[in-house]
PDB file of N, CA and C in Angstrom:
ATOM      1  N   MET A   1       0.823  -1.196   0.000  1.00  0.00           N
ATOM      2  CA  MET A   1       0.000   0.000   0.000  1.00  0.00           C
ATOM      3  C   MET A   1       0.867   1.260   0.000  1.00  0.00           C
ATOM      4  N   SER A   2       2.088   1.137   0.463  1.00  0.00           N
ATOM      5  CA  SER A   2       2.952   2.317   0.545  1.00  0.00           C
ATOM      6  C   SER A   2       3.329   2.848  -0.833  1.00  0.00           C
ATOM      7  N   ASP A   3       3.151   2.031  -1.881  1.00  0.00           N
ATOM      8  CA  ASP A   3       3.445   2.514  -3.224  1.00  0.00           C
ATOM      9  C   ASP A   3       2.240   3.203  -3.869  1.00  0.00           C
ATOM     10  N   MET A   4       1.132   3.239  -3.142  1.00  0.00           N
ATOM     11  CA  MET A   4      -0.097   3.860  -3.632  1.00  0.00           C
ATOM     12  C   MET A   4      -0.094   5.341  -3.286  1.00  0.00           C
ATOM     13  N   SER A   5      -0.538   6.175  -4.219  1.00  0.00           N
ATOM     14  CA  SER A   5      -0.617   7.602  -3.938  1.00  0.00           C
ATOM     15  C   SER A   5      -1.773   7.872  -2.982  1.00  0.00           C
ATOM     16  N   PHE A   6      -1.715   9.015  -2.328  1.00  0.00           N
ATOM     17  CA  PHE A   6      -2.773   9.397  -1.403  1.00  0.00           C
ATOM     18  C   PHE A   6      -4.112   9.454  -2.132  1.00  0.00           C
ATOM     19  N   GLU A   7      -4.112  10.077  -3.292  1.00  0.00           N
ATOM     20  CA  GLU A   7      -5.350  10.241  -4.051  1.00  0.00           C
ATOM     21  C   GLU A   7      -5.939   8.892  -4.478  1.00  0.00           C
ATOM     22  N   LYS A   8      -5.065   7.974  -4.905  1.00  0.00           N
ATOM     23  CA  LYS A   8      -5.538   6.654  -5.323  1.00  0.00           C
ATOM     24  C   LYS A   8      -6.092   5.886  -4.116  1.00  0.00           C
ATOM     25  N   ALA A   9      -5.420   5.980  -2.984  1.00  0.00           N
ATOM     26  CA  ALA A   9      -5.882   5.300  -1.770  1.00  0.00           C
ATOM     27  C   ALA A   9      -7.221   5.873  -1.311  1.00  0.00           C
ATOM     28  N   LEU A  10      -7.382   7.190  -1.413  1.00  0.00           N
ATOM     29  CA  LEU A  10      -8.642   7.818  -1.028  1.00  0.00           C
ATOM     30  C   LEU A  10      -9.777   7.361  -1.940  1.00  0.00           C
ATOM     31  N   ALA A  11      -9.516   7.293  -3.232  1.00  0.00           N
ATOM     32  CA  ALA A  11     -10.527   6.828  -4.186  1.00  0.00           C
ATOM     33  C   ALA A  11     -10.892   5.366  -3.895  1.00  0.00           C
ATOM     34  N   GLU A  12      -9.902   4.573  -3.569  1.00  0.00           N
ATOM     35  CA  GLU A  12     -10.134   3.171  -3.241  1.00  0.00           C
ATOM     36  C   GLU A  12     -10.972   3.033  -1.967  1.00  0.00           C
ATOM     37  N   LEU A  13     -10.692   3.870  -0.991  1.00  0.00           N
ATOM     38  CA  LEU A  13     -11.479   3.856   0.246  1.00  0.00           C
ATOM     39  C   LEU A  13     -12.928   4.245  -0.041  1.00  0.00           C
ATOM     40  N   GLU A  14     -13.120   5.241  -0.876  1.00  0.00           N
ATOM     41  CA  GLU A  14     -14.480   5.652  -1.229  1.00  0.00           C
ATOM     42  C   GLU A  14     -15.246   4.522  -1.910  1.00  0.00           C
ATOM     43  N   LYS A  15     -14.588   3.784  -2.824  1.00  0.00           N
ATOM     44  CA  LYS A  15     -15.229   2.642  -3.489  1.00  0.00           C
ATOM     45  C   LYS A  15     -15.569   1.549  -2.478  1.00  0.00           C
ATOM     46  N   THR A  16     -14.651   1.320  -1.544  1.00  0.00           N
ATOM     47  CA  THR A  16     -14.860   0.301  -0.521  1.00  0.00           C
ATOM     48  C   THR A  16     -16.061   0.644   0.347  1.00  0.00           C
ATOM     49  N   VAL A  17     -16.151   1.901   0.739  1.00  0.00           N
ATOM     50  CA  VAL A  17     -17.278   2.344   1.569  1.00  0.00           C
ATOM     51  C   VAL A  17     -18.590   2.194   0.805  1.00  0.00           C
ATOM     52  N   GLU A  18     -18.588   2.553  -0.473  1.00  0.00           N
ATOM     53  CA  GLU A  18     -19.803   2.410  -1.286  1.00  0.00           C
ATOM     54  C   GLU A  18     -20.262   0.958  -1.322  1.00  0.00           C
ATOM     55  N   LYS A  19     -19.319   0.029  -1.492  1.00  0.00           N
ATOM     56  CA  LYS A  19     -19.679  -1.396  -1.533  1.00  0.00           C
ATOM     57  C   LYS A  19     -20.247  -1.854  -0.198  1.00  0.00           C
ATOM     58  N   LEU A  20     -19.668  -1.382   0.880  1.00  0.00           N
ATOM     59  CA  LEU A  20     -20.166  -1.759   2.203  1.00  0.00           C
ATOM     60  C   LEU A  20     -21.542  -1.153   2.468  1.00  0.00           C
ATOM     61  N   GLU A  21     -21.738   0.090   2.043  1.00  0.00           N
ATOM     62  CA  GLU A  21     -23.020   0.756   2.269  1.00  0.00           C
ATOM     63  C   GLU A  21     -24.143   0.138   1.439  1.00  0.00           C
ATOM     64  N   ASP A  22     -23.787  -0.478   0.336  1.00  0.00           N
ATOM     65  CA  ASP A  22     -24.784  -1.113  -0.520  1.00  0.00           C
ATOM     66  C   ASP A  22     -25.543  -2.198   0.253  1.00  0.00           C
ATOM     67  N   GLY A  23     -24.845  -2.915   1.107  1.00  0.00           N
ATOM     68  CA  GLY A  23     -25.483  -3.905   1.965  1.00  0.00           C
ATOM     69  C   GLY A  23     -25.839  -5.215   1.299  1.00  0.00           C
ATOM     70  N   ARG A  24     -25.410  -5.431   0.079  1.00  0.00           N
ATOM     71  CA  ARG A  24     -25.771  -6.669  -0.618  1.00  0.00           C
ATOM     72  C   ARG A  24     -24.661  -7.714  -0.617  1.00  0.00           C
ATOM     73  N   LEU A  25     -23.549  -7.418   0.039  1.00  0.00           N
ATOM     74  CA  LEU A  25     -22.442  -8.372   0.077  1.00  0.00           C
ATOM     75  C   LEU A  25     -22.677  -9.428   1.157  1.00  0.00           C
ATOM     76  N   PRO A  26     -22.209 -10.647   0.903  1.00  0.00           N
ATOM     77  CA  PRO A  26     -22.256 -11.647   1.967  1.00  0.00           C
ATOM     78  C   PRO A  26     -21.342 -11.219   3.125  1.00  0.00           C
ATOM     79  N   LEU A  27     -21.566 -11.779   4.287  1.00  0.00           N
ATOM     80  CA  LEU A  27     -20.835 -11.381   5.488  1.00  0.00           C
ATOM     81  C   LEU A  27     -19.329 -11.490   5.317  1.00  0.00           C
ATOM     82  N   ASP A  28     -18.840 -12.599   4.767  1.00  0.00           N
ATOM     83  CA  ASP A  28     -17.392 -12.771   4.630  1.00  0.00           C
ATOM     84  C   ASP A  28     -16.773 -11.724   3.717  1.00  0.00           C
ATOM     85  N   GLU A  29     -17.473 -11.363   2.634  1.00  0.00           N
ATOM     86  CA  GLU A  29     -16.969 -10.316   1.744  1.00  0.00           C
ATOM     87  C   GLU A  29     -17.041  -8.949   2.418  1.00  0.00           C
ATOM     88  N   SER A  30     -18.097  -8.708   3.166  1.00  0.00           N
ATOM     89  CA  SER A  30     -18.224  -7.447   3.903  1.00  0.00           C
ATOM     90  C   SER A  30     -17.071  -7.293   4.880  1.00  0.00           C
ATOM     91  N   LEU A  31     -16.730  -8.353   5.581  1.00  0.00           N
ATOM     92  CA  LEU A  31     -15.610  -8.305   6.530  1.00  0.00           C
ATOM     93  C   LEU A  31     -14.294  -8.036   5.811  1.00  0.00           C
ATOM     94  N   ALA A  32     -14.110  -8.640   4.648  1.00  0.00           N
ATOM     95  CA  ALA A  32     -12.883  -8.418   3.876  1.00  0.00           C
ATOM     96  C   ALA A  32     -12.799  -6.954   3.419  1.00  0.00           C
ATOM     97  N   PHE A  33     -13.924  -6.412   2.949  1.00  0.00           N
ATOM     98  CA  PHE A  33     -13.933  -5.002   2.537  1.00  0.00           C
ATOM     99  C   PHE A  33     -13.743  -4.076   3.733  1.00  0.00           C
ATOM    100  N   PHE A  34     -14.325  -4.441   4.869  1.00  0.00           N
ATOM    101  CA  PHE A  34     -14.154  -3.630   6.075  1.00  0.00           C
ATOM    102  C   PHE A  34     -12.681  -3.599   6.473  1.00  0.00           C
ATOM    103  N   GLU A  35     -12.028  -4.756   6.445  1.00  0.00           N
ATOM    104  CA  GLU A  35     -10.596  -4.832   6.788  1.00  0.00           C
ATOM    105  C   GLU A  35      -9.771  -3.986   5.817  1.00  0.00           C
ATOM    106  N   LYS A  36     -10.102  -4.069   4.533  1.00  0.00           N
ATOM    107  CA  LYS A  36      -9.400  -3.261   3.524  1.00  0.00           C
ATOM    108  C   LYS A  36      -9.607  -1.779   3.808  1.00  0.00           C
ATOM    109  N   GLY A  37     -10.829  -1.397   4.152  1.00  0.00           N
ATOM    110  CA  GLY A  37     -11.127  -0.001   4.459  1.00  0.00           C
ATOM    111  C   GLY A  37     -10.339   0.504   5.652  1.00  0.00           C
ATOM    112  N   ILE A  38     -10.232  -0.330   6.680  1.00  0.00           N
ATOM    113  CA  ILE A  38      -9.457   0.057   7.870  1.00  0.00           C
ATOM    114  C   ILE A  38      -7.994   0.273   7.502  1.00  0.00           C
ATOM    115  N   LYS A  39      -7.434  -0.615   6.709  1.00  0.00           N
ATOM    116  CA  LYS A  39      -6.031  -0.473   6.296  1.00  0.00           C
ATOM    117  C   LYS A  39      -5.842   0.797   5.468  1.00  0.00           C
ATOM    118  N   LEU A  40      -6.765   1.053   4.561  1.00  0.00           N
ATOM    119  CA  LEU A  40      -6.677   2.274   3.751  1.00  0.00           C
ATOM    120  C   LEU A  40      -6.789   3.521   4.621  1.00  0.00           C
ATOM    121  N   ALA A  41      -7.710   3.505   5.571  1.00  0.00           N
ATOM    122  CA  ALA A  41      -7.899   4.662   6.455  1.00  0.00           C
ATOM    123  C   ALA A  41      -6.639   4.910   7.287  1.00  0.00           C
ATOM    124  N   LYS A  42      -6.009   3.850   7.782  1.00  0.00           N
ATOM    125  CA  LYS A  42      -4.769   4.005   8.562  1.00  0.00           C
ATOM    126  C   LYS A  42      -3.650   4.566   7.689  1.00  0.00           C
ATOM    127  N   TYR A  43      -3.555   4.078   6.466  1.00  0.00           N
ATOM    128  CA  TYR A  43      -2.543   4.578   5.540  1.00  0.00           C
ATOM    129  C   TYR A  43      -2.762   6.063   5.255  1.00  0.00           C
ATOM    130  N   LEU A  44      -4.014   6.422   4.977  1.00  0.00           N
ATOM    131  CA  LEU A  44      -4.333   7.828   4.682  1.00  0.00           C
ATOM    132  C   LEU A  44      -4.042   8.717   5.880  1.00  0.00           C
ATOM    133  N   ARG A  45      -4.371   8.254   7.080  1.00  0.00           N
ATOM    134  CA  ARG A  45      -4.109   9.019   8.300  1.00  0.00           C
ATOM    135  C   ARG A  45      -2.605   9.240   8.466  1.00  0.00           C
ATOM    136  N   ALA A  46      -1.817   8.192   8.235  1.00  0.00           N
ATOM    137  CA  ALA A  46      -0.360   8.309   8.352  1.00  0.00           C
ATOM    138  C   ALA A  46       0.198   9.301   7.332  1.00  0.00           C
ATOM    139  N   GLU A  47      -0.328   9.262   6.122  1.00  0.00           N
ATOM    140  CA  GLU A  47       0.123  10.192   5.089  1.00  0.00           C
ATOM    141  C   GLU A  47      -0.224  11.630   5.462  1.00  0.00           C
ATOM    142  N   LEU A  48      -1.411  11.833   6.018  1.00  0.00           N
ATOM    143  CA  LEU A  48      -1.799  13.181   6.454  1.00  0.00           C
ATOM    144  C   LEU A  48      -0.909  13.666   7.597  1.00  0.00           C
ATOM    145  N   GLU A  49      -0.571  12.779   8.519  1.00  0.00           N
ATOM    146  CA  GLU A  49       0.318  13.156   9.625  1.00  0.00           C
ATOM    147  C   GLU A  49       1.704  13.530   9.113  1.00  0.00           C
ATOM    148  N   LYS A  50       2.205  12.782   8.115  1.00  0.00           N
ATOM    149  CA  LYS A  50       3.506  13.126   7.514  1.00  0.00           C
ATOM    150  C   LYS A  50       3.457  14.510   6.877  1.00  0.00           C
ATOM    151  N   ALA A  51       2.377  14.775   6.155  1.00  0.00           N
ATOM    152  CA  ALA A  51       2.230  16.083   5.500  1.00  0.00           C
ATOM    153  C   ALA A  51       2.166  17.189   6.548  1.00  0.00           C
ATOM    154  N   GLU A  52       1.445  16.947   7.642  1.00  0.00           N
ATOM    155  CA  GLU A  52       1.333  17.949   8.706  1.00  0.00           C
ATOM    156  C   GLU A  52       2.703  18.240   9.317  1.00  0.00           C
ATOM    157  N   LYS A  53       3.510  17.207   9.533  1.00  0.00           N
ATOM    158  CA  LYS A  53       4.850  17.405  10.103  1.00  0.00           C
ATOM    159  C   LYS A  53       5.734  18.206   9.153  1.00  0.00           C
ATOM    160  N   LYS A  54       5.617  17.931   7.862  1.00  0.00           N
ATOM    161  CA  LYS A  54       6.395  18.695   6.878  1.00  0.00           C
ATOM    162  C   LYS A  54       5.994  20.164   6.897  1.00  0.00           C
ATOM    163  N   ILE A  55       4.694  20.399   7.000  1.00  0.00           N
ATOM    164  CA  ILE A  55       4.213  21.782   7.039  1.00  0.00           C
ATOM    165  C   ILE A  55       4.712  22.474   8.289  1.00  0.00           C
ATOM    166  N   GLU A  56       4.683  21.781   9.425  1.00  0.00           N
ATOM    167  CA  GLU A  56       5.172  22.372  10.670  1.00  0.00           C
ATOM    168  C   GLU A  56       6.647  22.743  10.555  1.00  0.00           C
ATOM    169  N   ILE A  57       7.431  21.898   9.926  1.00  0.00           N
ATOM    170  CA  ILE A  57       8.857  22.190   9.738  1.00  0.00           C
ATOM    171  C   ILE A  57       9.021  23.446   8.889  1.00  0.00           C
ATOM    172  N   LEU A  58       8.202  23.560   7.853  1.00  0.00           N
ATOM    173  CA  LEU A  58       8.291  24.717   6.975  1.00  0.00           C
ATOM    174  C   LEU A  58       7.858  26.000   7.671  1.00  0.00           C
ATOM    175  N   LEU A  59       7.003  25.875   8.684  1.00  0.00           N
ATOM    176  CA  LEU A  59       6.493  27.049   9.384  1.00  0.00           C
ATOM    177  C   LEU A  59       7.320  27.425  10.612  1.00  0.00           C
ATOM    178  N   GLN A  60       8.393  26.675  10.904  1.00  0.00           N
ATOM    179  CA  GLN A  60       9.199  26.987  12.079  1.00  0.00           C
ATOM    180  C   GLN A  60       9.900  28.329  11.913  1.00  0.00           C
ATOM    181  N   ASP A  61       9.960  29.058  13.023  1.00  0.00           N
ATOM    182  CA  ASP A  61      10.665  30.329  12.988  1.00  0.00           C
ATOM    183  C   ASP A  61      12.148  30.105  13.270  1.00  0.00           C
ATOM    184  N   ASP A  62      12.903  31.179  13.437  1.00  0.00           N
ATOM    185  CA  ASP A  62      14.348  31.096  13.655  1.00  0.00           C
ATOM    186  C   ASP A  62      14.705  30.318  14.920  1.00  0.00           C
ATOM    187  N   LYS A  63      13.825  30.315  15.891  1.00  0.00           N
ATOM    188  CA  LYS A  63      14.068  29.620  17.161  1.00  0.00           C
ATOM    189  C   LYS A  63      13.606  28.165  17.116  1.00  0.00           C
ATOM    190  N   GLY A  64      13.082  27.734  15.993  1.00  0.00           N
ATOM    191  CA  GLY A  64      12.601  26.366  15.863  1.00  0.00           C
ATOM    192  C   GLY A  64      11.192  26.163  16.384  1.00  0.00           C
ATOM    193  N   GLU A  65      10.527  27.253  16.727  1.00  0.00           N
ATOM    194  CA  GLU A  65       9.167  27.151  17.240  1.00  0.00           C
ATOM    195  C   GLU A  65       8.171  27.288  16.093  1.00  0.00           C
ATOM    196  N   VAL A  66       7.138  26.480  16.188  1.00  0.00           N
ATOM    197  CA  VAL A  66       6.091  26.555  15.182  1.00  0.00           C
ATOM    198  C   VAL A  66       5.053  27.557  15.649  1.00  0.00           C
ATOM    199  N   LYS A  67       4.807  28.511  14.813  1.00  0.00           N
ATOM    200  CA  LYS A  67       3.789  29.511  15.131  1.00  0.00           C
ATOM    201  C   LYS A  67       2.588  29.230  14.239  1.00  0.00           C
ATOM    202  N   PRO A  68       1.537  28.698  14.835  1.00  0.00           N
ATOM    203  CA  PRO A  68       0.368  28.383  14.002  1.00  0.00           C
ATOM    204  C   PRO A  68      -0.263  29.647  13.442  1.00  0.00           C
ATOM    205  N   LYS A  69      -0.693  29.520  12.201  1.00  0.00           N
ATOM    206  CA  LYS A  69      -1.373  30.623  11.541  1.00  0.00           C
ATOM    207  C   LYS A  69      -2.692  30.092  11.027  1.00  0.00           C
ATOM    208  N   ALA A  70      -3.702  30.878  11.139  1.00  0.00           N
ATOM    209  CA  ALA A  70      -5.008  30.475  10.627  1.00  0.00           C
ATOM    210  C   ALA A  70      -4.944  30.422   9.107  1.00  0.00           C
ATOM    211  N   PHE A  71      -5.514  29.394   8.555  1.00  0.00           N
ATOM    212  CA  PHE A  71      -5.564  29.239   7.113  1.00  0.00           C
ATOM    213  C   PHE A  71      -6.854  29.871   6.623  1.00  0.00           C
ATOM    214  N   GLU A  72      -6.716  30.867   5.802  1.00  0.00           N
ATOM    215  CA  GLU A  72      -7.889  31.575   5.301  1.00  0.00           C
ATOM    216  C   GLU A  72      -7.863  31.593   3.785  1.00  0.00           C
ATOM    217  N   LEU A  73      -8.981  31.228   3.210  1.00  0.00           N
ATOM    218  CA  LEU A  73      -9.125  31.361   1.770  1.00  0.00           C
ATOM    219  C   LEU A  73      -9.658  32.746   1.480  1.00  0.00           C
ATOM    220  N   LYS A  74      -9.018  33.408   0.579  1.00  0.00           N
ATOM    221  CA  LYS A  74      -9.499  34.726   0.197  1.00  0.00           C
ATOM    222  C   LYS A  74     -10.493  34.539  -0.936  1.00  0.00           C
ATOM    223  N   GLU A  75     -11.746  34.713  -0.607  1.00  0.00           N
ATOM    224  CA  GLU A  75     -12.797  34.549  -1.599  1.00  0.00           C
ATOM    225  C   GLU A  75     -13.016  35.854  -2.336  1.00  0.00           C
ATOM    226  N   LYS A  76     -13.200  35.715  -3.607  1.00  0.00           N
ATOM    227  CA  LYS A  76     -13.520  36.890  -4.406  1.00  0.00           C
ATOM    228  C   LYS A  76     -15.007  37.110  -4.296  1.00  0.00           C
ATOM    229  N   LYS A  77     -15.372  38.249  -3.787  1.00  0.00           N
ATOM    230  CA  LYS A  77     -16.787  38.579  -3.679  1.00  0.00           C
ATOM    231  C   LYS A  77     -17.163  39.444  -4.860  1.00  0.00           C
ATOM    232  N   GLU A  78     -18.176  38.964  -5.561  1.00  0.00           N
ATOM    233  CA  GLU A  78     -18.648  39.732  -6.705  1.00  0.00           C
ATOM    234  C   GLU A  78     -19.542  40.856  -6.211  1.00  0.00           C
ATOM    235  N   ALA A  79     -19.398  41.969  -6.839  1.00  0.00           N
ATOM    236  CA  ALA A  79     -20.232  43.110  -6.463  1.00  0.00           C
ATOM    237  C   ALA A  79     -21.647  42.858  -6.948  1.00  0.00           C
ATOM    238  N   VAL A  80     -22.561  42.842  -6.017  1.00  0.00           N
ATOM    239  CA  VAL A  80     -23.968  42.652  -6.351  1.00  0.00           C
ATOM    240  C   VAL A  80     -24.685  43.951  -6.028  1.00  0.00           C
ATOM    241  N   PRO A  81     -25.299  44.535  -7.027  1.00  0.00           N
ATOM    242  CA  PRO A  81     -25.990  45.805  -6.745  1.00  0.00           C
ATOM    243  C   PRO A  81     -27.150  45.570  -5.785  1.00  0.00           C
ATOM    244  N   GLU A  82     -27.286  46.480  -4.859  1.00  0.00           N
ATOM    245  CA  GLU A  82     -28.371  46.380  -3.891  1.00  0.00           C
ATOM    246  C   GLU A  82     -29.673  46.768  -4.561  1.00  0.00           C
ATOM    247  N   LYS A  83     -30.747  46.094  -4.125  1.00  0.00           N
ATOM    248  CA  LYS A  83     -32.061  46.435  -4.660  1.00  0.00           C
ATOM    249  C   LYS A  83     -32.548  47.697  -3.985  1.00  0.00           C
ATOM    250  N   THR A  84     -33.106  48.540  -4.788  1.00  0.00           N
ATOM    251  CA  THR A  84     -33.700  49.750  -4.216  1.00  0.00           C
ATOM    252  C   THR A  84     -35.204  49.594  -4.279  1.00  0.00           C
ATOM    253  N   GLU A  85     -35.830  49.911  -3.208  1.00  0.00           N
ATOM    254  CA  GLU A  85     -37.281  49.800  -3.119  1.00  0.00           C
ATOM    255  C   GLU A  85     -37.916  50.966  -3.865  1.00  0.00           C
ATOM    256  N   LYS A  86     -38.885  50.641  -4.709  1.00  0.00           N
ATOM    257  CA  LYS A  86     -39.645  51.679  -5.403  1.00  0.00           C
ATOM    258  C   LYS A  86     -40.913  51.919  -4.604  1.00  0.00           C
ATOM    259  N   PRO A  87     -41.342  53.131  -4.529  1.00  0.00           N
ATOM    260  CA  PRO A  87     -42.591  53.391  -3.806  1.00  0.00           C
ATOM    261  C   PRO A  87     -43.755  52.708  -4.496  1.00  0.00           C
ATOM    262  N   ASP A  88     -44.682  52.210  -3.707  1.00  0.00           N
ATOM    263  CA  ASP A  88     -45.846  51.524  -4.246  1.00  0.00           C
ATOM    264  C   ASP A  88     -46.810  52.569  -4.806  1.00  0.00           C
ATOM    265  N   THR A  89     -46.921  52.564  -6.110  1.00  0.00           N
ATOM    266  CA  THR A  89     -47.812  53.524  -6.770  1.00  0.00           C
ATOM    267  C   THR A  89     -49.092  52.859  -7.238  1.00  0.00           C
ATOM    268  N   GLY A  90     -49.262  51.585  -6.840  1.00  0.00           N
ATOM    269  CA  GLY A  90     -50.437  50.854  -7.271  1.00  0.00           C
ATOM    270  C   GLY A  90     -50.251  50.232  -8.629  1.00  0.00           C
ATOM    271  N   GLU A  91     -49.115  50.503  -9.261  1.00  0.00           N
ATOM    272  CA  GLU A  91     -48.825  49.925 -10.564  1.00  0.00           C
ATOM    273  C   GLU A  91     -48.047  48.652 -10.360  1.00  0.00           C
ATOM    274  N   ASN A  92     -47.890  47.878 -11.398  1.00  0.00           N
ATOM    275  CA  ASN A  92     -47.137  46.629 -11.339  1.00  0.00           C
ATOM    276  C   ASN A  92     -45.641  46.958 -11.245  1.00  0.00           C
ATOM    277  N   ASN A  93     -45.051  46.741 -10.075  1.00  0.00           N
ATOM    278  CA  ASN A  93     -43.623  47.055  -9.856  1.00  0.00           C
ATOM    279  C   ASN A  93     -42.688  45.980 -10.387  1.00  0.00           C
ATOM    280  N   ASP A  94     -43.246  44.913 -10.979  1.00  0.00           N
ATOM    281  CA  ASP A  94     -42.407  43.852 -11.507  1.00  0.00           C
ATOM    282  C   ASP A  94     -41.836  44.205 -12.876  1.00  0.00           C
ATOM    283  N   LEU A  95     -42.300  45.265 -13.461  1.00  0.00           N
ATOM    284  CA  LEU A  95     -41.810  45.654 -14.772  1.00  0.00           C
ATOM    285  C   LEU A  95     -40.424  46.269 -14.647  1.00  0.00           C
ATOM    286  N   PRO A  96     -39.554  45.984 -15.605  1.00  0.00           N
ATOM    287  CA  PRO A  96     -38.185  46.497 -15.516  1.00  0.00           C
ATOM    288  C   PRO A  96     -38.050  47.988 -15.790  1.00  0.00           C
ATOM    289  N   PHE A  97     -39.114  48.680 -16.079  1.00  0.00           N
ATOM    290  CA  PHE A  97     -39.021  50.120 -16.374  1.00  0.00           C
ATOM    291  C   PHE A  97     -39.973  50.914 -15.542  1.00  0.00           C
TER     292      PHE A  97
END
């Protein structure tokens, strides 16, 4: 399993879960898929922990201390014009003019 990429292992775990959730497998096959899923989940967890340690090393300051920083995605907000209320004149206000 160590020669498997993270993405491939994740896709394999997703397929395994789908088969288990289907509920149509015999018990022995379900147990085999469950065991495979556990192994995949442990592998994925280990890979994530390795990545986290690498990130921590990259974030160390001059003193070797890791200073956590909040991860923020900068979302582009599109300008949406605000609706202006038209006074009710008894006419149909749904018209664009």
